[in-house]
Structure formats: C-alpha cells, structure tokens
Amino acid sequence: MTTISKVLISLSLSGALSYAENLTGKLLDSTCYDSHQSSASTTSTQTAKSRENLAKTCAPTASTTTFVLLSSKGTAYKLDSEGNTKAAAAIQNGSMKPDKDGDMHASISGTVQGDSVKLDSIHGRGEHNK
C-alpha cells in the first residue's frame, strides 16, 4: 500500500470518529453544579423539576468562568477550557442572555468526549416556550 493511500485511510477514519455534534440545553455555572451534584445522593435521579431548580440556582453570571450544559434529559456536558472562554465572552458581550425565567438556553456545536465537549461554537437560543 502506498504512503498516500495510508494517509488517506487514516484521515477518513479519524474524520468519521470525531464529528461535531449539536447539543441544546441550559448553560450552568460548573462550580455551582458540581457542588450541588456532590451533595446530592448518587442513587437519586434528576426529575424535570429538580433540573429546573438546579438551572435557577446555578445560572451563570458575568463572573462565571467554567460552564456545564445540562440537556433536557439531564445529561451534563462540561465545556473544555476554550469552550469556557467562548461562553464567558458570549455572556459578557451580550450575545447570550437569560430568558424571562432566568434560564440561559444555549445551542452548542462540538465534539463530545465522555462527559465533556470540545466546543466549536455556542449560541443563545433566546426565549423558550413552556
């Protein structure tokens, strides 16, 4: 097999394994989220109501530096360091704002790596319908 063929096969396989995913959910302060998760029972499951309360308690502010995206199914994805920087900048420049309930809805694109996301982009979703 020629060297060019090997390179092309390697690139096509790596491209298939690391594709960007689009995720939506509520952006939370990661430090607050972690402290609430560690104090919660590991056997309890999150209900929609408990996730809603958590979103209000751990809503990010302009001084938040680490973030987590909480999906509607309760899956939490921590943002990588570059993603944290992008999210903080979006909040500080006003492109991401809380809705009337105080929730910070976000759409992100990135590569999921376990329970974290290597963020490519982040956008606010604006108002939500209940």
C-alpha atoms as a PDB file:
ATOM      1  CA  MET A   1       0.000   0.000   0.000  1.00  0.00           C
ATOM      2  CA  THR A   2       1.392   3.397  -0.893  1.00  0.00           C
ATOM      3  CA  THR A   3       2.059   6.083   1.647  1.00  0.00           C
ATOM      4  CA  ILE A   4      -0.639   8.331   0.170  1.00  0.00           C
ATOM      5  CA  SER A   5      -3.221   5.558   0.491  1.00  0.00           C
ATOM      6  CA  LYS A   6      -2.302   5.017   4.137  1.00  0.00           C
ATOM      7  CA  VAL A   7      -2.603   8.725   4.871  1.00  0.00           C
ATOM      8  CA  LEU A   8      -5.991   8.983   3.151  1.00  0.00           C
ATOM      9  CA  ILE A   9      -7.354   5.967   5.017  1.00  0.00           C
ATOM     10  CA  SER A  10      -6.106   7.378   8.336  1.00  0.00           C
ATOM     11  CA  LEU A  11      -7.708  10.759   7.651  1.00  0.00           C
ATOM     12  CA  SER A  12     -11.040   9.262   6.644  1.00  0.00           C
ATOM     13  CA  LEU A  13     -11.156   7.068   9.763  1.00  0.00           C
ATOM     14  CA  SER A  14     -10.228   9.900  12.110  1.00  0.00           C
ATOM     15  CA  GLY A  15     -12.823  12.155  10.473  1.00  0.00           C
ATOM     16  CA  ALA A  16     -15.538   9.571  10.997  1.00  0.00           C
ATOM     17  CA  LEU A  17     -14.650   9.160  14.666  1.00  0.00           C
ATOM     18  CA  SER A  18     -14.506  12.855  15.583  1.00  0.00           C
ATOM     19  CA  TYR A  19     -17.510  14.619  14.114  1.00  0.00           C
ATOM     20  CA  ALA A  20     -19.210  17.641  15.618  1.00  0.00           C
ATOM     21  CA  GLU A  21     -22.484  17.203  17.443  1.00  0.00           C
ATOM     22  CA  ASN A  22     -25.135  19.834  18.026  1.00  0.00           C
ATOM     23  CA  LEU A  23     -26.472  19.928  21.579  1.00  0.00           C
ATOM     24  CA  THR A  24     -29.048  22.142  23.245  1.00  0.00           C
ATOM     25  CA  GLY A  25     -29.801  22.764  26.881  1.00  0.00           C
ATOM     26  CA  LYS A  26     -29.305  25.168  29.745  1.00  0.00           C
ATOM     27  CA  LEU A  27     -25.938  26.679  30.457  1.00  0.00           C
ATOM     28  CA  LEU A  28     -24.970  26.470  34.139  1.00  0.00           C
ATOM     29  CA  ASP A  29     -22.124  27.573  36.371  1.00  0.00           C
ATOM     30  CA  SER A  30     -19.979  24.437  36.576  1.00  0.00           C
ATOM     31  CA  THR A  31     -18.659  25.134  40.079  1.00  0.00           C
ATOM     32  CA  CYS A  32     -22.196  25.507  41.437  1.00  0.00           C
ATOM     33  CA  TYR A  33     -23.367  22.439  39.507  1.00  0.00           C
ATOM     34  CA  ASP A  34     -20.505  20.320  40.860  1.00  0.00           C
ATOM     35  CA  SER A  35     -21.198  21.358  44.453  1.00  0.00           C
ATOM     36  CA  HIS A  36     -24.901  20.506  44.121  1.00  0.00           C
ATOM     37  CA  GLN A  37     -24.136  17.156  42.473  1.00  0.00           C
ATOM     38  CA  SER A  38     -21.663  16.157  45.171  1.00  0.00           C
ATOM     39  CA  SER A  39     -24.195  16.945  47.900  1.00  0.00           C
ATOM     40  CA  ALA A  40     -26.976  15.015  46.118  1.00  0.00           C
ATOM     41  CA  SER A  41     -27.443  11.305  46.623  1.00  0.00           C
ATOM     42  CA  THR A  42     -25.806   9.224  43.928  1.00  0.00           C
ATOM     43  CA  THR A  43     -28.839   6.957  43.800  1.00  0.00           C
ATOM     44  CA  SER A  44     -31.381   9.720  43.207  1.00  0.00           C
ATOM     45  CA  THR A  45     -32.410  10.500  39.659  1.00  0.00           C
ATOM     46  CA  GLN A  46     -32.936  14.027  38.449  1.00  0.00           C
ATOM     47  CA  THR A  47     -36.522  14.941  37.711  1.00  0.00           C
ATOM     48  CA  ALA A  48     -37.513  17.749  35.365  1.00  0.00           C
ATOM     49  CA  LYS A  49     -38.421  19.832  38.421  1.00  0.00           C
ATOM     50  CA  SER A  50     -35.053  19.255  40.110  1.00  0.00           C
ATOM     51  CA  ARG A  51     -33.249  20.158  36.853  1.00  0.00           C
ATOM     52  CA  GLU A  52     -35.319  23.355  36.635  1.00  0.00           C
ATOM     53  CA  ASN A  53     -34.416  24.263  40.226  1.00  0.00           C
ATOM     54  CA  LEU A  54     -30.760  23.497  39.537  1.00  0.00           C
ATOM     55  CA  ALA A  55     -30.838  25.719  36.435  1.00  0.00           C
ATOM     56  CA  LYS A  56     -32.158  28.618  38.510  1.00  0.00           C
ATOM     57  CA  THR A  57     -29.749  28.049  41.410  1.00  0.00           C
ATOM     58  CA  CYS A  58     -26.696  27.625  39.170  1.00  0.00           C
ATOM     59  CA  ALA A  59     -27.495  30.198  36.467  1.00  0.00           C
ATOM     60  CA  PRO A  60     -24.252  31.651  35.111  1.00  0.00           C
ATOM     61  CA  THR A  61     -23.314  35.281  35.685  1.00  0.00           C
ATOM     62  CA  ALA A  62     -20.849  37.636  34.027  1.00  0.00           C
ATOM     63  CA  SER A  63     -18.198  36.435  36.502  1.00  0.00           C
ATOM     64  CA  THR A  64     -18.677  32.700  35.765  1.00  0.00           C
ATOM     65  CA  THR A  65     -15.543  31.125  34.296  1.00  0.00           C
ATOM     66  CA  THR A  66     -16.451  27.424  33.974  1.00  0.00           C
ATOM     67  CA  PHE A  67     -19.642  26.103  32.435  1.00  0.00           C
ATOM     68  CA  VAL A  68     -21.705  22.963  32.005  1.00  0.00           C
ATOM     69  CA  LEU A  69     -24.542  22.376  29.517  1.00  0.00           C
ATOM     70  CA  LEU A  70     -27.473  20.499  31.073  1.00  0.00           C
ATOM     71  CA  SER A  71     -29.636  18.785  28.447  1.00  0.00           C
ATOM     72  CA  SER A  72     -33.387  18.303  28.842  1.00  0.00           C
ATOM     73  CA  LYS A  73     -32.680  14.616  29.532  1.00  0.00           C
ATOM     74  CA  GLY A  74     -30.448  15.554  32.454  1.00  0.00           C
ATOM     75  CA  THR A  75     -27.115  14.797  30.802  1.00  0.00           C
ATOM     76  CA  ALA A  76     -24.426  17.277  31.819  1.00  0.00           C
ATOM     77  CA  TYR A  77     -21.612  18.181  29.449  1.00  0.00           C
ATOM     78  CA  LYS A  78     -18.688  20.190  30.821  1.00  0.00           C
ATOM     79  CA  LEU A  79     -17.154  22.647  28.380  1.00  0.00           C
ATOM     80  CA  ASP A  80     -13.435  22.447  27.622  1.00  0.00           C
ATOM     81  CA  SER A  81     -11.193  25.410  28.501  1.00  0.00           C
ATOM     82  CA  GLU A  82     -11.623  27.021  25.079  1.00  0.00           C
ATOM     83  CA  GLY A  83     -15.378  26.488  25.347  1.00  0.00           C
ATOM     84  CA  ASN A  84     -15.419  28.120  28.782  1.00  0.00           C
ATOM     85  CA  THR A  85     -13.643  31.133  27.296  1.00  0.00           C
ATOM     86  CA  LYS A  86     -16.152  31.341  24.406  1.00  0.00           C
ATOM     87  CA  ALA A  87     -19.156  31.008  26.718  1.00  0.00           C
ATOM     88  CA  ALA A  88     -17.842  33.668  29.117  1.00  0.00           C
ATOM     89  CA  ALA A  89     -17.193  36.039  26.213  1.00  0.00           C
ATOM     90  CA  ALA A  90     -20.702  35.448  24.809  1.00  0.00           C
ATOM     91  CA  ILE A  91     -22.269  36.293  28.174  1.00  0.00           C
ATOM     92  CA  GLN A  92     -20.070  39.346  28.703  1.00  0.00           C
ATOM     93  CA  ASN A  93     -20.666  40.783  25.217  1.00  0.00           C
ATOM     94  CA  GLY A  94     -24.425  40.231  25.491  1.00  0.00           C
ATOM     95  CA  SER A  95     -24.872  37.670  22.712  1.00  0.00           C
ATOM     96  CA  MET A  96     -26.107  35.178  25.321  1.00  0.00           C
ATOM     97  CA  LYS A  97     -28.779  36.397  27.711  1.00  0.00           C
ATOM     98  CA  PRO A  98     -31.068  34.726  30.228  1.00  0.00           C
ATOM     99  CA  ASP A  99     -34.734  34.322  29.301  1.00  0.00           C
ATOM    100  CA  LYS A 100     -37.605  35.732  31.386  1.00  0.00           C
ATOM    101  CA  ASP A 101     -37.256  32.801  33.843  1.00  0.00           C
ATOM    102  CA  GLY A 102     -33.539  33.438  34.319  1.00  0.00           C
ATOM    103  CA  ASP A 103     -32.508  30.340  32.341  1.00  0.00           C
ATOM    104  CA  MET A 104     -29.586  30.625  29.928  1.00  0.00           C
ATOM    105  CA  HIS A 105     -30.603  28.465  26.948  1.00  0.00           C
ATOM    106  CA  ALA A 106     -27.762  27.546  24.607  1.00  0.00           C
ATOM    107  CA  SER A 107     -27.073  25.637  21.417  1.00  0.00           C
ATOM    108  CA  ILE A 108     -23.555  24.319  21.107  1.00  0.00           C
ATOM    109  CA  SER A 109     -21.590  22.501  18.464  1.00  0.00           C
ATOM    110  CA  GLY A 110     -18.567  20.428  19.322  1.00  0.00           C
ATOM    111  CA  THR A 111     -17.049  17.022  19.827  1.00  0.00           C
ATOM    112  CA  VAL A 112     -18.350  15.038  22.798  1.00  0.00           C
ATOM    113  CA  GLN A 113     -15.544  13.363  24.725  1.00  0.00           C
ATOM    114  CA  GLY A 114     -17.071  11.413  27.609  1.00  0.00           C
ATOM    115  CA  ASP A 115     -18.845  13.911  29.858  1.00  0.00           C
ATOM    116  CA  SER A 116     -17.218  16.955  28.288  1.00  0.00           C
ATOM    117  CA  VAL A 117     -17.418  18.816  24.990  1.00  0.00           C
ATOM    118  CA  LYS A 118     -14.596  20.234  22.917  1.00  0.00           C
ATOM    119  CA  LEU A 119     -16.566  23.297  21.872  1.00  0.00           C
ATOM    120  CA  ASP A 120     -16.583  24.657  18.331  1.00  0.00           C
ATOM    121  CA  SER A 121     -19.365  27.242  18.736  1.00  0.00           C
ATOM    122  CA  ILE A 122     -22.017  28.424  21.174  1.00  0.00           C
ATOM    123  CA  HIS A 123     -25.186  30.445  20.589  1.00  0.00           C
ATOM    124  CA  GLY A 124     -28.005  31.641  22.790  1.00  0.00           C
ATOM    125  CA  ARG A 125     -31.452  30.286  21.972  1.00  0.00           C
ATOM    126  CA  GLY A 126     -33.456  33.209  23.370  1.00  0.00           C
ATOM    127  CA  GLU A 127     -36.948  32.748  24.791  1.00  0.00           C
ATOM    128  CA  HIS A 128     -38.337  29.266  25.267  1.00  0.00           C
ATOM    129  CA  ASN A 129     -41.919  28.051  25.232  1.00  0.00           C
ATOM    130  CA  LYS A 130     -43.322  26.191  28.178  1.00  0.00           C
END
